[in-house]
Amino acid sequence: MRKLGKASLAFFYCDFRDDKKKDCRELLSSLLVQLCDQSDAYRNVISKFYLAHRRGSQHPGDNALQTCFTSILQVSGQAPVFVVIDALDELPNTTGVPSPRDEVLDFVAQLVNLQIPNLHICVTSRPETDIQFILDPLSFRSISLHGESGQIQDIVGYVKSVVNTNPTMRRWKVADKDLVIEVLNKKADGM
């Protein structure tokens, strides 16, 4: 659908190892760039935003980025927009108020509450309490793969494949390989 211009897709993978994938500002910037590349109507909104911030010499605040993103979503006559936020649990949940995770959760809640008819949001995460507390009341449909046998079997298969094909690990004793596979599968916790 995206290739035919019948939908827009923006994807953000949260990654605790990458500073550019750890907070709401980076999420918003990434989503804006991706969407603006897919529609001329979106480009007009971002062009006005760029000019309003002195042709990029003035860095917009997070609220300004959120407003711009919301404006893009509300451009009339646009095709459906699919936003995927993957691995939300990877965002820092520090003691600071608000934490980067809290900011993204708040942003997602704001988007859902806008009830934009052409907006579709998919958030993936481990079932952590703070995330479930915010997302459960918002969700139209929630699917948990955490304890599904297929998910667990896929993890077991992946771990076995890596242990049995890695040149270094292939030389290990069978008992050592089995121990690594068993421990990693227990520690995987559905991920």
N, C-alpha and C. Protein backbone atom coordinates (compact mmCIF):
# COMPACT_ATOMS: atom_id res chain seq x y z
N MET A 1 0.82 -1.20 0.00
CA MET A 1 0.00 0.00 0.00
C MET A 1 0.87 1.26 0.00
N ARG A 2 1.97 1.22 0.78
CA ARG A 2 2.84 2.39 0.84
C ARG A 2 3.47 2.67 -0.50
N LYS A 3 3.94 1.64 -1.17
CA LYS A 3 4.59 1.82 -2.47
C LYS A 3 3.64 2.40 -3.51
N LEU A 4 2.36 2.10 -3.38
CA LEU A 4 1.35 2.63 -4.31
C LEU A 4 0.82 3.99 -3.88
N GLY A 5 1.30 4.51 -2.76
CA GLY A 5 0.84 5.81 -2.27
C GLY A 5 -0.50 5.76 -1.58
N LYS A 6 -0.93 4.55 -1.21
CA LYS A 6 -2.23 4.40 -0.56
C LYS A 6 -2.13 4.36 0.96
N ALA A 7 -0.93 4.49 1.49
CA ALA A 7 -0.72 4.53 2.93
C ALA A 7 0.68 5.06 3.20
N SER A 8 0.86 5.57 4.40
CA SER A 8 2.19 6.00 4.85
C SER A 8 2.58 5.13 6.03
N LEU A 9 3.87 4.86 6.14
CA LEU A 9 4.38 4.02 7.21
C LEU A 9 5.60 4.67 7.82
N ALA A 10 5.60 4.79 9.14
CA ALA A 10 6.77 5.29 9.87
C ALA A 10 7.07 4.30 10.98
N PHE A 11 8.34 3.93 11.09
CA PHE A 11 8.76 2.88 12.00
C PHE A 11 9.89 3.40 12.88
N PHE A 12 9.81 3.15 14.18
CA PHE A 12 10.89 3.54 15.09
C PHE A 12 11.20 2.38 16.02
N TYR A 13 12.47 1.98 16.01
CA TYR A 13 12.93 0.91 16.89
C TYR A 13 13.68 1.54 18.06
N CYS A 14 13.15 1.37 19.26
CA CYS A 14 13.80 1.88 20.46
C CYS A 14 14.98 0.97 20.79
N ASP A 15 16.12 1.56 21.08
CA ASP A 15 17.33 0.77 21.32
C ASP A 15 18.15 1.41 22.42
N PHE A 16 18.26 0.73 23.55
CA PHE A 16 18.98 1.29 24.70
C PHE A 16 20.48 1.48 24.41
N ARG A 17 20.99 0.83 23.39
CA ARG A 17 22.42 0.94 23.07
C ARG A 17 22.72 2.13 22.16
N ASP A 18 21.71 2.74 21.59
CA ASP A 18 21.90 3.81 20.62
C ASP A 18 21.27 5.09 21.15
N ASP A 19 22.10 6.09 21.43
CA ASP A 19 21.58 7.35 21.99
C ASP A 19 20.55 8.03 21.10
N LYS A 20 20.58 7.72 19.79
CA LYS A 20 19.63 8.33 18.86
C LYS A 20 18.31 7.58 18.81
N LYS A 21 18.16 6.58 19.65
CA LYS A 21 16.92 5.79 19.65
C LYS A 21 16.42 5.57 21.07
N LYS A 22 16.59 6.62 21.90
CA LYS A 22 16.26 6.46 23.31
C LYS A 22 15.28 7.46 23.88
N ASP A 23 14.74 8.36 23.08
CA ASP A 23 13.83 9.33 23.69
C ASP A 23 12.78 9.83 22.70
N CYS A 24 11.86 10.62 23.21
CA CYS A 24 10.72 11.09 22.42
C CYS A 24 11.17 12.03 21.30
N ARG A 25 12.16 12.84 21.55
CA ARG A 25 12.64 13.77 20.53
C ARG A 25 13.16 13.02 19.31
N GLU A 26 13.95 12.00 19.55
CA GLU A 26 14.49 11.20 18.45
C GLU A 26 13.37 10.44 17.73
N LEU A 27 12.41 9.94 18.48
CA LEU A 27 11.27 9.25 17.89
C LEU A 27 10.51 10.19 16.97
N LEU A 28 10.18 11.37 17.47
CA LEU A 28 9.43 12.35 16.68
C LEU A 28 10.21 12.77 15.43
N SER A 29 11.49 13.04 15.60
CA SER A 29 12.31 13.46 14.45
C SER A 29 12.33 12.38 13.38
N SER A 30 12.50 11.15 13.80
CA SER A 30 12.54 10.04 12.86
C SER A 30 11.19 9.87 12.14
N LEU A 31 10.11 9.90 12.90
CA LEU A 31 8.78 9.74 12.30
C LEU A 31 8.48 10.86 11.31
N LEU A 32 8.85 12.09 11.68
CA LEU A 32 8.61 13.23 10.78
C LEU A 32 9.36 13.07 9.47
N VAL A 33 10.62 12.71 9.55
CA VAL A 33 11.42 12.54 8.33
C VAL A 33 10.82 11.45 7.45
N GLN A 34 10.46 10.33 8.07
CA GLN A 34 9.91 9.22 7.29
C GLN A 34 8.60 9.60 6.61
N LEU A 35 7.70 10.25 7.33
CA LEU A 35 6.41 10.60 6.75
C LEU A 35 6.54 11.68 5.68
N CYS A 36 7.39 12.66 5.91
CA CYS A 36 7.55 13.75 4.94
C CYS A 36 8.13 13.26 3.63
N ASP A 37 8.84 12.17 3.68
CA ASP A 37 9.39 11.59 2.46
C ASP A 37 8.33 10.88 1.63
N GLN A 38 7.15 10.68 2.21
CA GLN A 38 6.12 9.87 1.55
C GLN A 38 4.95 10.67 0.98
N SER A 39 4.88 11.97 1.25
CA SER A 39 3.73 12.73 0.77
C SER A 39 4.09 14.20 0.59
N ASP A 40 3.71 14.75 -0.55
CA ASP A 40 3.94 16.18 -0.80
C ASP A 40 3.17 17.03 0.20
N ALA A 41 1.98 16.59 0.60
CA ALA A 41 1.18 17.35 1.56
C ALA A 41 1.92 17.45 2.90
N TYR A 42 2.59 16.38 3.28
CA TYR A 42 3.37 16.41 4.52
C TYR A 42 4.57 17.34 4.38
N ARG A 43 5.15 17.35 3.19
CA ARG A 43 6.31 18.22 2.96
C ARG A 43 5.95 19.69 3.15
N ASN A 44 4.74 20.06 2.77
CA ASN A 44 4.31 21.45 2.96
C ASN A 44 4.27 21.82 4.44
N VAL A 45 3.77 20.93 5.26
CA VAL A 45 3.71 21.18 6.70
C VAL A 45 5.12 21.31 7.26
N ILE A 46 6.00 20.41 6.89
CA ILE A 46 7.36 20.43 7.43
C ILE A 46 8.13 21.63 6.90
N SER A 47 7.84 22.06 5.68
CA SER A 47 8.51 23.24 5.12
C SER A 47 8.14 24.48 5.93
N LYS A 48 6.87 24.64 6.27
CA LYS A 48 6.44 25.76 7.10
C LYS A 48 7.09 25.69 8.49
N PHE A 49 7.19 24.48 9.01
CA PHE A 49 7.82 24.26 10.31
C PHE A 49 9.30 24.67 10.25
N TYR A 50 9.97 24.28 9.19
CA TYR A 50 11.38 24.61 8.97
C TYR A 50 11.58 26.13 8.90
N LEU A 51 10.72 26.79 8.16
CA LEU A 51 10.82 28.24 8.03
C LEU A 51 10.52 28.95 9.36
N ALA A 52 9.57 28.42 10.11
CA ALA A 52 9.22 29.00 11.40
C ALA A 52 10.36 28.88 12.41
N HIS A 53 11.27 27.97 12.15
CA HIS A 53 12.41 27.78 13.04
C HIS A 53 13.71 28.24 12.38
N ARG A 54 13.57 29.36 11.69
CA ARG A 54 14.70 30.06 11.07
C ARG A 54 15.56 29.16 10.18
N ARG A 55 14.85 28.46 9.31
CA ARG A 55 15.51 27.60 8.32
C ARG A 55 16.47 26.60 8.97
N GLY A 56 16.03 26.07 10.10
CA GLY A 56 16.80 25.03 10.77
C GLY A 56 17.85 25.53 11.74
N SER A 57 18.05 26.84 11.83
CA SER A 57 19.07 27.36 12.75
C SER A 57 18.56 27.41 14.19
N GLN A 58 17.25 27.37 14.37
CA GLN A 58 16.65 27.37 15.70
C GLN A 58 16.06 25.99 15.95
N HIS A 59 16.56 25.30 16.95
CA HIS A 59 16.07 23.95 17.23
C HIS A 59 14.72 24.01 17.92
N PRO A 60 13.74 23.31 17.37
CA PRO A 60 12.41 23.32 17.99
C PRO A 60 12.40 22.48 19.26
N GLY A 61 11.54 22.84 20.17
CA GLY A 61 11.36 22.05 21.38
C GLY A 61 10.53 20.82 21.09
N ASP A 62 10.46 19.94 22.06
CA ASP A 62 9.69 18.70 21.90
C ASP A 62 8.22 18.98 21.63
N ASN A 63 7.67 19.98 22.31
CA ASN A 63 6.25 20.31 22.09
C ASN A 63 6.01 20.77 20.65
N ALA A 64 6.95 21.54 20.12
CA ALA A 64 6.82 22.00 18.73
C ALA A 64 6.89 20.82 17.77
N LEU A 65 7.77 19.87 18.04
CA LEU A 65 7.85 18.66 17.20
C LEU A 65 6.55 17.87 17.26
N GLN A 66 5.99 17.75 18.46
CA GLN A 66 4.73 17.02 18.61
C GLN A 66 3.61 17.73 17.85
N THR A 67 3.57 19.04 17.94
CA THR A 67 2.55 19.80 17.22
C THR A 67 2.69 19.62 15.71
N CYS A 68 3.92 19.66 15.22
CA CYS A 68 4.17 19.46 13.79
C CYS A 68 3.72 18.06 13.37
N PHE A 69 4.06 17.06 14.17
CA PHE A 69 3.67 15.69 13.86
C PHE A 69 2.15 15.55 13.81
N THR A 70 1.49 16.13 14.79
CA THR A 70 0.03 16.09 14.84
C THR A 70 -0.57 16.80 13.62
N SER A 71 0.03 17.92 13.22
CA SER A 71 -0.45 18.65 12.04
C SER A 71 -0.33 17.79 10.78
N ILE A 72 0.74 17.06 10.68
CA ILE A 72 0.92 16.17 9.54
C ILE A 72 -0.17 15.11 9.51
N LEU A 73 -0.47 14.56 10.67
CA LEU A 73 -1.49 13.50 10.74
C LEU A 73 -2.89 14.03 10.40
N GLN A 74 -3.09 15.31 10.61
CA GLN A 74 -4.41 15.88 10.40
C GLN A 74 -4.57 16.55 9.03
N VAL A 75 -3.59 16.38 8.15
CA VAL A 75 -3.73 16.89 6.79
C VAL A 75 -4.91 16.16 6.15
N SER A 76 -5.87 16.91 5.67
CA SER A 76 -7.09 16.29 5.15
C SER A 76 -6.84 15.51 3.87
N GLY A 77 -7.61 14.47 3.72
CA GLY A 77 -7.57 13.68 2.50
C GLY A 77 -6.38 12.76 2.36
N GLN A 78 -5.62 12.59 3.40
CA GLN A 78 -4.44 11.74 3.31
C GLN A 78 -4.80 10.27 3.53
N ALA A 79 -3.99 9.43 2.97
CA ALA A 79 -4.16 7.98 3.10
C ALA A 79 -3.86 7.57 4.55
N PRO A 80 -4.23 6.35 4.90
CA PRO A 80 -3.94 5.89 6.26
C PRO A 80 -2.45 6.01 6.60
N VAL A 81 -2.20 6.30 7.86
CA VAL A 81 -0.83 6.41 8.38
C VAL A 81 -0.65 5.31 9.42
N PHE A 82 0.39 4.51 9.23
CA PHE A 82 0.72 3.45 10.16
C PHE A 82 2.02 3.83 10.87
N VAL A 83 1.96 3.89 12.20
CA VAL A 83 3.13 4.22 13.01
C VAL A 83 3.44 2.99 13.86
N VAL A 84 4.67 2.52 13.75
CA VAL A 84 5.11 1.35 14.53
C VAL A 84 6.23 1.82 15.46
N ILE A 85 6.02 1.58 16.74
CA ILE A 85 7.05 1.86 17.74
C ILE A 85 7.42 0.51 18.34
N ASP A 86 8.61 0.06 18.02
CA ASP A 86 9.04 -1.28 18.38
C ASP A 86 9.98 -1.24 19.59
N ALA A 87 9.78 -2.18 20.50
CA ALA A 87 10.65 -2.37 21.68
C ALA A 87 10.60 -1.18 22.63
N LEU A 88 9.40 -0.71 22.93
CA LEU A 88 9.23 0.44 23.82
C LEU A 88 9.91 0.22 25.16
N ASP A 89 9.93 -1.02 25.62
CA ASP A 89 10.56 -1.33 26.90
C ASP A 89 12.06 -1.07 26.92
N GLU A 90 12.66 -0.86 25.75
CA GLU A 90 14.09 -0.56 25.65
C GLU A 90 14.40 0.89 26.05
N LEU A 91 13.39 1.74 26.10
CA LEU A 91 13.63 3.13 26.49
C LEU A 91 13.94 3.20 27.97
N PRO A 92 14.85 4.11 28.36
CA PRO A 92 15.20 4.23 29.77
C PRO A 92 13.99 4.59 30.62
N ASN A 93 13.89 3.92 31.75
CA ASN A 93 12.83 4.19 32.72
C ASN A 93 13.50 4.68 33.99
N THR A 94 14.19 5.80 33.86
CA THR A 94 15.00 6.33 34.96
C THR A 94 14.13 6.99 36.01
N THR A 95 14.76 7.36 37.09
CA THR A 95 14.02 7.99 38.17
C THR A 95 13.69 9.45 37.89
N GLY A 96 14.27 10.01 36.83
CA GLY A 96 13.97 11.39 36.46
C GLY A 96 12.50 11.54 36.11
N VAL A 97 11.99 12.72 36.33
CA VAL A 97 10.58 12.95 36.04
C VAL A 97 10.48 13.95 34.91
N PRO A 98 9.88 13.64 33.81
CA PRO A 98 9.52 12.29 33.39
C PRO A 98 10.70 11.57 32.74
N SER A 99 10.65 10.27 32.78
CA SER A 99 11.70 9.47 32.13
C SER A 99 11.46 9.48 30.62
N PRO A 100 12.47 9.12 29.82
CA PRO A 100 12.25 9.03 28.37
C PRO A 100 11.09 8.10 28.02
N ARG A 101 10.96 7.01 28.76
CA ARG A 101 9.85 6.09 28.50
C ARG A 101 8.52 6.76 28.80
N ASP A 102 8.46 7.49 29.91
CA ASP A 102 7.22 8.19 30.27
C ASP A 102 6.82 9.20 29.19
N GLU A 103 7.82 9.90 28.64
CA GLU A 103 7.53 10.89 27.60
C GLU A 103 6.94 10.24 26.36
N VAL A 104 7.49 9.10 25.96
CA VAL A 104 6.97 8.41 24.78
C VAL A 104 5.58 7.84 25.07
N LEU A 105 5.39 7.28 26.25
CA LEU A 105 4.06 6.77 26.61
C LEU A 105 3.02 7.89 26.61
N ASP A 106 3.40 9.04 27.12
CA ASP A 106 2.50 10.20 27.13
C ASP A 106 2.18 10.63 25.70
N PHE A 107 3.19 10.64 24.84
CA PHE A 107 2.99 11.00 23.43
C PHE A 107 2.03 10.03 22.75
N VAL A 108 2.21 8.73 22.97
CA VAL A 108 1.33 7.72 22.38
C VAL A 108 -0.10 7.93 22.89
N ALA A 109 -0.25 8.18 24.18
CA ALA A 109 -1.58 8.41 24.75
C ALA A 109 -2.23 9.64 24.10
N GLN A 110 -1.46 10.70 23.90
CA GLN A 110 -1.99 11.90 23.25
C GLN A 110 -2.45 11.59 21.83
N LEU A 111 -1.65 10.83 21.10
CA LEU A 111 -2.02 10.48 19.72
C LEU A 111 -3.32 9.69 19.69
N VAL A 112 -3.42 8.70 20.56
CA VAL A 112 -4.63 7.87 20.59
C VAL A 112 -5.84 8.72 20.94
N ASN A 113 -5.68 9.60 21.91
CA ASN A 113 -6.80 10.43 22.35
C ASN A 113 -7.25 11.45 21.31
N LEU A 114 -6.41 11.75 20.34
CA LEU A 114 -6.82 12.65 19.25
C LEU A 114 -7.86 12.00 18.34
N GLN A 115 -7.90 10.67 18.35
CA GLN A 115 -8.85 9.89 17.56
C GLN A 115 -8.82 10.29 16.08
N ILE A 116 -7.63 10.32 15.54
CA ILE A 116 -7.47 10.62 14.12
C ILE A 116 -7.84 9.36 13.35
N PRO A 117 -8.89 9.41 12.52
CA PRO A 117 -9.43 8.20 11.90
C PRO A 117 -8.46 7.44 11.00
N ASN A 118 -7.53 8.14 10.36
CA ASN A 118 -6.63 7.44 9.44
C ASN A 118 -5.32 7.01 10.10
N LEU A 119 -5.20 7.20 11.42
CA LEU A 119 -3.97 6.85 12.15
C LEU A 119 -4.10 5.47 12.79
N HIS A 120 -3.10 4.65 12.54
CA HIS A 120 -3.03 3.30 13.11
C HIS A 120 -1.69 3.17 13.82
N ILE A 121 -1.73 2.82 15.09
CA ILE A 121 -0.50 2.76 15.90
C ILE A 121 -0.29 1.32 16.37
N CYS A 122 0.93 0.86 16.22
CA CYS A 122 1.32 -0.45 16.75
C CYS A 122 2.52 -0.24 17.66
N VAL A 123 2.40 -0.66 18.91
CA VAL A 123 3.50 -0.55 19.87
C VAL A 123 3.84 -1.95 20.33
N THR A 124 5.13 -2.30 20.24
CA THR A 124 5.57 -3.59 20.76
C THR A 124 6.44 -3.35 21.98
N SER A 125 6.33 -4.29 22.94
CA SER A 125 7.06 -4.14 24.18
C SER A 125 6.94 -5.42 25.00
N ARG A 126 7.87 -5.60 25.89
CA ARG A 126 7.68 -6.62 26.92
C ARG A 126 6.55 -6.13 27.81
N PRO A 127 5.87 -7.03 28.47
CA PRO A 127 4.73 -6.62 29.31
C PRO A 127 5.17 -6.05 30.66
N GLU A 128 5.78 -4.88 30.63
CA GLU A 128 6.23 -4.25 31.87
C GLU A 128 5.09 -3.42 32.46
N THR A 129 5.02 -3.39 33.78
CA THR A 129 3.89 -2.81 34.49
C THR A 129 3.61 -1.37 34.09
N ASP A 130 4.64 -0.52 34.04
CA ASP A 130 4.41 0.90 33.73
C ASP A 130 3.87 1.09 32.31
N ILE A 131 4.31 0.23 31.41
CA ILE A 131 3.86 0.32 30.01
C ILE A 131 2.42 -0.17 29.90
N GLN A 132 2.14 -1.30 30.53
CA GLN A 132 0.78 -1.83 30.49
C GLN A 132 -0.22 -0.87 31.13
N PHE A 133 0.20 -0.21 32.20
CA PHE A 133 -0.68 0.73 32.91
C PHE A 133 -1.18 1.83 31.98
N ILE A 134 -0.30 2.31 31.10
CA ILE A 134 -0.68 3.38 30.18
C ILE A 134 -1.36 2.83 28.93
N LEU A 135 -0.81 1.78 28.35
CA LEU A 135 -1.31 1.31 27.05
C LEU A 135 -2.59 0.48 27.12
N ASP A 136 -2.76 -0.30 28.16
CA ASP A 136 -3.95 -1.18 28.21
C ASP A 136 -5.27 -0.42 28.04
N PRO A 137 -5.48 0.70 28.74
CA PRO A 137 -6.75 1.42 28.54
C PRO A 137 -6.89 2.03 27.15
N LEU A 138 -5.78 2.23 26.45
CA LEU A 138 -5.80 2.88 25.13
C LEU A 138 -6.03 1.91 24.00
N SER A 139 -5.71 0.66 24.23
CA SER A 139 -5.62 -0.28 23.11
C SER A 139 -6.98 -0.72 22.61
N PHE A 140 -7.07 -0.72 21.31
CA PHE A 140 -8.24 -1.25 20.62
C PHE A 140 -8.10 -2.77 20.59
N ARG A 141 -6.89 -3.19 20.31
CA ARG A 141 -6.60 -4.62 20.25
C ARG A 141 -5.21 -4.84 20.81
N SER A 142 -5.10 -5.78 21.71
CA SER A 142 -3.81 -6.10 22.31
C SER A 142 -3.53 -7.58 22.10
N ILE A 143 -2.33 -7.86 21.62
CA ILE A 143 -1.95 -9.25 21.39
C ILE A 143 -0.68 -9.50 22.17
N SER A 144 -0.71 -10.50 23.04
CA SER A 144 0.47 -10.83 23.82
C SER A 144 1.11 -12.10 23.27
N LEU A 145 2.34 -11.97 22.83
CA LEU A 145 3.09 -13.12 22.35
C LEU A 145 4.02 -13.66 23.43
N HIS A 146 4.05 -12.97 24.55
CA HIS A 146 5.02 -13.24 25.59
C HIS A 146 5.09 -14.71 26.00
N GLY A 147 3.98 -15.33 26.26
CA GLY A 147 3.99 -16.71 26.72
C GLY A 147 3.53 -17.71 25.69
N GLU A 148 3.36 -17.28 24.45
CA GLU A 148 2.87 -18.17 23.40
C GLU A 148 3.91 -19.24 23.07
N SER A 149 3.42 -20.47 22.88
CA SER A 149 4.33 -21.58 22.62
C SER A 149 5.12 -21.37 21.33
N GLY A 150 4.51 -20.79 20.31
CA GLY A 150 5.20 -20.52 19.05
C GLY A 150 6.35 -19.54 19.24
N GLN A 151 6.13 -18.52 20.06
CA GLN A 151 7.18 -17.54 20.36
C GLN A 151 8.35 -18.22 21.07
N ILE A 152 8.03 -19.04 22.04
CA ILE A 152 9.06 -19.74 22.81
C ILE A 152 9.81 -20.72 21.91
N GLN A 153 9.10 -21.43 21.05
CA GLN A 153 9.75 -22.37 20.13
C GLN A 153 10.67 -21.65 19.16
N ASP A 154 10.26 -20.47 18.69
CA ASP A 154 11.11 -19.70 17.78
C ASP A 154 12.40 -19.27 18.48
N ILE A 155 12.29 -18.88 19.73
CA ILE A 155 13.48 -18.47 20.49
C ILE A 155 14.41 -19.67 20.66
N VAL A 156 13.85 -20.81 21.05
CA VAL A 156 14.65 -22.03 21.22
C VAL A 156 15.35 -22.38 19.91
N GLY A 157 14.61 -22.33 18.81
CA GLY A 157 15.19 -22.65 17.50
C GLY A 157 16.32 -21.70 17.12
N TYR A 158 16.11 -20.41 17.40
CA TYR A 158 17.14 -19.42 17.08
C TYR A 158 18.41 -19.67 17.90
N VAL A 159 18.24 -19.86 19.20
CA VAL A 159 19.40 -20.09 20.08
C VAL A 159 20.15 -21.35 19.65
N LYS A 160 19.41 -22.41 19.37
CA LYS A 160 20.06 -23.66 18.92
C LYS A 160 20.82 -23.43 17.63
N SER A 161 20.23 -22.70 16.71
CA SER A 161 20.87 -22.43 15.43
C SER A 161 22.18 -21.68 15.60
N VAL A 162 22.17 -20.65 16.44
CA VAL A 162 23.38 -19.87 16.67
C VAL A 162 24.46 -20.72 17.33
N VAL A 163 24.07 -21.47 18.37
CA VAL A 163 25.05 -22.31 19.09
C VAL A 163 25.62 -23.38 18.17
N ASN A 164 24.80 -23.94 17.32
CA ASN A 164 25.27 -25.04 16.47
C ASN A 164 25.95 -24.61 15.17
N THR A 165 25.84 -23.33 14.80
CA THR A 165 26.48 -22.89 13.56
C THR A 165 27.64 -21.93 13.79
N ASN A 166 27.74 -21.36 14.97
CA ASN A 166 28.86 -20.47 15.26
C ASN A 166 30.15 -21.28 15.27
N PRO A 167 31.16 -20.84 14.49
CA PRO A 167 32.40 -21.62 14.38
C PRO A 167 33.06 -21.92 15.73
N THR A 168 33.05 -20.98 16.63
CA THR A 168 33.66 -21.22 17.94
C THR A 168 32.82 -22.18 18.78
N MET A 169 31.51 -21.94 18.80
CA MET A 169 30.63 -22.76 19.64
C MET A 169 30.50 -24.19 19.13
N ARG A 170 30.65 -24.39 17.83
CA ARG A 170 30.54 -25.76 17.29
C ARG A 170 31.59 -26.69 17.88
N ARG A 171 32.71 -26.14 18.33
CA ARG A 171 33.78 -26.96 18.91
C ARG A 171 33.54 -27.29 20.38
N TRP A 172 32.54 -26.70 20.98
CA TRP A 172 32.26 -26.96 22.39
C TRP A 172 31.75 -28.38 22.58
N LYS A 173 31.84 -28.84 23.81
CA LYS A 173 31.27 -30.15 24.18
C LYS A 173 29.75 -30.05 24.09
N VAL A 174 29.13 -31.17 23.79
CA VAL A 174 27.66 -31.22 23.68
C VAL A 174 27.01 -30.76 24.97
N ALA A 175 27.54 -31.17 26.12
CA ALA A 175 26.97 -30.78 27.41
C ALA A 175 27.02 -29.26 27.60
N ASP A 176 28.12 -28.62 27.17
CA ASP A 176 28.25 -27.17 27.29
C ASP A 176 27.25 -26.45 26.39
N LYS A 177 27.12 -26.96 25.15
CA LYS A 177 26.14 -26.38 24.23
C LYS A 177 24.73 -26.48 24.81
N ASP A 178 24.39 -27.67 25.33
CA ASP A 178 23.06 -27.87 25.90
C ASP A 178 22.81 -26.93 27.08
N LEU A 179 23.83 -26.73 27.91
CA LEU A 179 23.70 -25.83 29.05
C LEU A 179 23.46 -24.39 28.59
N VAL A 180 24.21 -23.93 27.59
CA VAL A 180 24.04 -22.57 27.06
C VAL A 180 22.64 -22.41 26.48
N ILE A 181 22.19 -23.39 25.73
CA ILE A 181 20.85 -23.32 25.13
C ILE A 181 19.79 -23.26 26.22
N GLU A 182 19.92 -24.09 27.23
CA GLU A 182 18.94 -24.13 28.32
C GLU A 182 18.90 -22.80 29.08
N VAL A 183 20.07 -22.28 29.45
CA VAL A 183 20.13 -21.04 30.22
C VAL A 183 19.61 -19.85 29.41
N LEU A 184 20.03 -19.74 28.15
CA LEU A 184 19.57 -18.62 27.33
C LEU A 184 18.07 -18.66 27.10
N ASN A 185 17.52 -19.84 26.92
CA ASN A 185 16.09 -19.95 26.72
C ASN A 185 15.31 -19.58 27.97
N LYS A 186 15.82 -19.93 29.13
CA LYS A 186 15.17 -19.53 30.38
C LYS A 186 15.25 -18.04 30.59
N LYS A 187 16.41 -17.46 30.28
CA LYS A 187 16.63 -16.03 30.49
C LYS A 187 15.97 -15.17 29.42
N ALA A 188 15.61 -15.78 28.29
CA ALA A 188 15.01 -15.00 27.19
C ALA A 188 13.70 -14.37 27.61
N ASP A 189 12.98 -15.01 28.49
CA ASP A 189 11.74 -14.44 29.02
C ASP A 189 10.78 -13.99 27.91
N GLY A 190 10.66 -14.84 26.88
CA GLY A 190 9.73 -14.54 25.79
C GLY A 190 10.25 -13.57 24.75
N MET A 191 11.51 -13.15 24.85
CA MET A 191 12.06 -12.17 23.91
C MET A 191 13.21 -12.80 23.13
